[in-house]
Each structure stands twice: as structure tokens, then as C-alpha cells.
Amino acid sequence: MSTQSILNVVRGIEPWKVLRKMGVQRNGDVWRFEPYSDPVLITADDLIMGFKRYSQSKLALREWATFLLVASNIISFDALEDDPRADELLDAIWQASFGEEITLNSLAL
């Protein structure tokens, strides 16, 4: 898989569908991923970019957040461990994946 393509999806630059050629598939609520040996490290800034890009569409935000939660074999949140924004961002991803309203006031979204 292409690291840049994965980052573009996380950042909201491209939809997850660009990863189809790399084996990412979705059928309703079921996602499938090809094995990937080296998950891409995601930073808080990557996630903030994605939130900003998808903040205008609740449906697109929900799909993006769900993708992030199920894509653990191609992305890794390990780079967030020492980031003070991590808990707020991860909570917001969960909320968005369930279609809940999110507020990220401390992140100026």
C-alpha cells in the first residue's frame, strides 16, 4: 500500500475508496483489509486535518471516523501516545463514528 494514499485518506484529502486498489473493501458495515506489514503512524495533526475537511458533512465524517476505527492493520495511533490532544481526538472519532455531535473546542475546529 502507499503510505501517502493512506495519509491522504486520514487527512481527508481523498476518500477511503482510493484504497480499493490496495485491497480495502466495504460492504455495508463490514470492512475488509488486505494484510499490511507496516501500519502508517497517524499524528494528531493528521486527524485534525481530517476533522476539518469532514466537519461540514455528518455522513462523510461518520464514514471517515468508522474507517479510522476499523483500519488498525493499516494505520497506527501509537504516535498519539505522548500528545496531549490524543484523548480528545480519539473520543471525537468514537462519537463521530456513531453519528453523534462532536465538539473539539480546544482544537479550534
C-alpha atoms as a PDB file:
ATOM      1  CA  MET A   1       0.000   0.000   0.000  1.00  0.00           C
ATOM      2  CA  SER A   2       1.016   3.538  -0.480  1.00  0.00           C
ATOM      3  CA  THR A   3       1.789   5.417   2.720  1.00  0.00           C
ATOM      4  CA  GLN A   4       0.866   8.699   1.044  1.00  0.00           C
ATOM      5  CA  SER A   5      -2.536   7.384  -0.066  1.00  0.00           C
ATOM      6  CA  ILE A   6      -3.305   6.203   3.455  1.00  0.00           C
ATOM      7  CA  LEU A   7      -2.252   9.561   4.918  1.00  0.00           C
ATOM      8  CA  ASN A   8      -4.385  11.365   2.323  1.00  0.00           C
ATOM      9  CA  VAL A   9      -7.419   9.380   3.479  1.00  0.00           C
ATOM     10  CA  VAL A  10      -6.693  10.071   7.156  1.00  0.00           C
ATOM     11  CA  ARG A  11      -6.195  13.765   6.404  1.00  0.00           C
ATOM     12  CA  GLY A  12      -9.465  13.921   4.454  1.00  0.00           C
ATOM     13  CA  ILE A  13      -7.757  14.817   1.185  1.00  0.00           C
ATOM     14  CA  GLU A  14      -9.091  11.713  -0.541  1.00  0.00           C
ATOM     15  CA  PRO A  15     -11.975   9.344   0.277  1.00  0.00           C
ATOM     16  CA  TRP A  16     -11.232   5.839   1.578  1.00  0.00           C
ATOM     17  CA  LYS A  17     -12.290   4.479  -1.831  1.00  0.00           C
ATOM     18  CA  VAL A  18      -8.859   5.360  -3.261  1.00  0.00           C
ATOM     19  CA  LEU A  19      -7.566   2.456  -1.174  1.00  0.00           C
ATOM     20  CA  ARG A  20      -9.720  -0.090  -3.026  1.00  0.00           C
ATOM     21  CA  LYS A  21      -6.875  -0.881  -5.394  1.00  0.00           C
ATOM     22  CA  MET A  22      -4.872  -1.739  -2.275  1.00  0.00           C
ATOM     23  CA  GLY A  23      -7.471  -4.205  -1.038  1.00  0.00           C
ATOM     24  CA  VAL A  24      -9.667  -2.040   1.212  1.00  0.00           C
ATOM     25  CA  GLN A  25     -13.293  -3.024   0.733  1.00  0.00           C
ATOM     26  CA  ARG A  26     -16.576  -2.147   2.359  1.00  0.00           C
ATOM     27  CA  ASN A  27     -19.885  -3.956   2.147  1.00  0.00           C
ATOM     28  CA  GLY A  28     -22.426  -2.138   4.320  1.00  0.00           C
ATOM     29  CA  ASP A  29     -20.941  -2.024   7.808  1.00  0.00           C
ATOM     30  CA  VAL A  30     -18.352  -4.724   7.076  1.00  0.00           C
ATOM     31  CA  TRP A  31     -14.840  -3.608   6.149  1.00  0.00           C
ATOM     32  CA  ARG A  32     -12.046  -5.799   4.790  1.00  0.00           C
ATOM     33  CA  PHE A  33      -8.357  -5.019   4.556  1.00  0.00           C
ATOM     34  CA  GLU A  34      -5.502  -6.869   2.928  1.00  0.00           C
ATOM     35  CA  PRO A  35      -2.674  -7.765   5.320  1.00  0.00           C
ATOM     36  CA  TYR A  36      -0.232  -4.892   5.686  1.00  0.00           C
ATOM     37  CA  SER A  37       3.078  -5.337   7.455  1.00  0.00           C
ATOM     38  CA  ASP A  38       3.891  -1.779   8.455  1.00  0.00           C
ATOM     39  CA  PRO A  39       0.922   0.350   9.600  1.00  0.00           C
ATOM     40  CA  VAL A  40       1.222   4.066   8.910  1.00  0.00           C
ATOM     41  CA  LEU A  41       1.697   6.205  12.032  1.00  0.00           C
ATOM     42  CA  ILE A  42      -1.061   8.781  12.396  1.00  0.00           C
ATOM     43  CA  THR A  43      -0.438  12.055  14.212  1.00  0.00           C
ATOM     44  CA  ALA A  44      -2.852  14.418  15.921  1.00  0.00           C
ATOM     45  CA  ASP A  45      -2.294  16.914  13.111  1.00  0.00           C
ATOM     46  CA  ASP A  46      -3.325  14.281  10.533  1.00  0.00           C
ATOM     47  CA  LEU A  47      -6.563  13.680  12.432  1.00  0.00           C
ATOM     48  CA  ILE A  48      -7.255  17.383  12.887  1.00  0.00           C
ATOM     49  CA  MET A  49      -6.925  17.874   9.123  1.00  0.00           C
ATOM     50  CA  GLY A  50      -9.458  15.085   8.581  1.00  0.00           C
ATOM     51  CA  PHE A  51     -11.895  16.552  11.089  1.00  0.00           C
ATOM     52  CA  LYS A  52     -11.636  19.954   9.428  1.00  0.00           C
ATOM     53  CA  ARG A  53     -12.250  18.533   5.958  1.00  0.00           C
ATOM     54  CA  TYR A  54     -15.227  16.421   7.011  1.00  0.00           C
ATOM     55  CA  SER A  55     -16.792  18.784   9.554  1.00  0.00           C
ATOM     56  CA  GLN A  56     -19.382  20.027   7.041  1.00  0.00           C
ATOM     57  CA  SER A  57     -20.863  16.599   6.295  1.00  0.00           C
ATOM     58  CA  LYS A  58     -22.085  14.443   9.171  1.00  0.00           C
ATOM     59  CA  LEU A  59     -22.402  11.380   6.904  1.00  0.00           C
ATOM     60  CA  ALA A  60     -18.893  11.759   5.447  1.00  0.00           C
ATOM     61  CA  LEU A  61     -17.484  12.403   8.936  1.00  0.00           C
ATOM     62  CA  ARG A  62     -19.149   9.241  10.240  1.00  0.00           C
ATOM     63  CA  GLU A  63     -17.786   7.130   7.385  1.00  0.00           C
ATOM     64  CA  TRP A  64     -14.282   8.570   7.837  1.00  0.00           C
ATOM     65  CA  ALA A  65     -14.319   8.011  11.608  1.00  0.00           C
ATOM     66  CA  THR A  66     -15.564   4.448  11.191  1.00  0.00           C
ATOM     67  CA  PHE A  67     -12.802   3.776   8.694  1.00  0.00           C
ATOM     68  CA  LEU A  68     -10.207   5.033  11.199  1.00  0.00           C
ATOM     69  CA  LEU A  69     -11.518   2.748  13.921  1.00  0.00           C
ATOM     70  CA  VAL A  70     -11.524  -0.401  11.795  1.00  0.00           C
ATOM     71  CA  ALA A  71      -8.304   0.220   9.854  1.00  0.00           C
ATOM     72  CA  SER A  72      -5.970  -0.907  12.618  1.00  0.00           C
ATOM     73  CA  ASN A  73      -3.957  -3.133  10.312  1.00  0.00           C
ATOM     74  CA  ILE A  74      -3.035  -0.220   8.009  1.00  0.00           C
ATOM     75  CA  ILE A  75      -2.881   2.712  10.446  1.00  0.00           C
ATOM     76  CA  SER A  76      -1.483   3.075  13.943  1.00  0.00           C
ATOM     77  CA  PHE A  77      -2.354   5.611  16.615  1.00  0.00           C
ATOM     78  CA  ASP A  78       0.901   4.910  18.509  1.00  0.00           C
ATOM     79  CA  ALA A  79       2.300   8.348  17.623  1.00  0.00           C
ATOM     80  CA  LEU A  80      -0.502   9.913  19.689  1.00  0.00           C
ATOM     81  CA  GLU A  81       0.652   8.385  22.969  1.00  0.00           C
ATOM     82  CA  ASP A  82       2.518  11.482  24.136  1.00  0.00           C
ATOM     83  CA  ASP A  83       0.236  14.057  22.509  1.00  0.00           C
ATOM     84  CA  PRO A  84      -1.963  15.965  24.994  1.00  0.00           C
ATOM     85  CA  ARG A  85      -4.719  16.177  22.335  1.00  0.00           C
ATOM     86  CA  ALA A  86      -4.933  12.397  21.893  1.00  0.00           C
ATOM     87  CA  ASP A  87      -7.775  11.626  24.312  1.00  0.00           C
ATOM     88  CA  GLU A  88      -9.974  14.382  22.937  1.00  0.00           C
ATOM     89  CA  LEU A  89      -9.308  13.319  19.342  1.00  0.00           C
ATOM     90  CA  LEU A  90      -9.928   9.635  19.980  1.00  0.00           C
ATOM     91  CA  ASP A  91     -13.142  10.416  21.875  1.00  0.00           C
ATOM     92  CA  ALA A  92     -14.282  12.572  18.959  1.00  0.00           C
ATOM     93  CA  ILE A  93     -13.551   9.765  16.474  1.00  0.00           C
ATOM     94  CA  TRP A  94     -15.714   7.396  18.526  1.00  0.00           C
ATOM     95  CA  GLN A  95     -18.506   9.957  18.779  1.00  0.00           C
ATOM     96  CA  ALA A  96     -18.389  10.698  15.065  1.00  0.00           C
ATOM     97  CA  SER A  97     -18.429   7.007  14.170  1.00  0.00           C
ATOM     98  CA  PHE A  98     -21.757   6.698  15.994  1.00  0.00           C
ATOM     99  CA  GLY A  99     -23.140   9.823  14.314  1.00  0.00           C
ATOM    100  CA  GLU A 100     -23.030  11.875  17.491  1.00  0.00           C
ATOM    101  CA  GLU A 101     -22.336  15.582  17.535  1.00  0.00           C
ATOM    102  CA  ILE A 102     -18.732  16.359  18.331  1.00  0.00           C
ATOM    103  CA  THR A 103     -17.060  19.412  19.724  1.00  0.00           C
ATOM    104  CA  LEU A 104     -13.356  19.926  19.613  1.00  0.00           C
ATOM    105  CA  ASN A 105     -13.175  23.392  21.077  1.00  0.00           C
ATOM    106  CA  SER A 106      -9.611  23.102  22.279  1.00  0.00           C
ATOM    107  CA  LEU A 107      -8.525  22.182  18.770  1.00  0.00           C
ATOM    108  CA  ALA A 108     -10.129  25.238  17.136  1.00  0.00           C
ATOM    109  CA  LEU A 109     -12.279  23.293  14.677  1.00  0.00           C
END
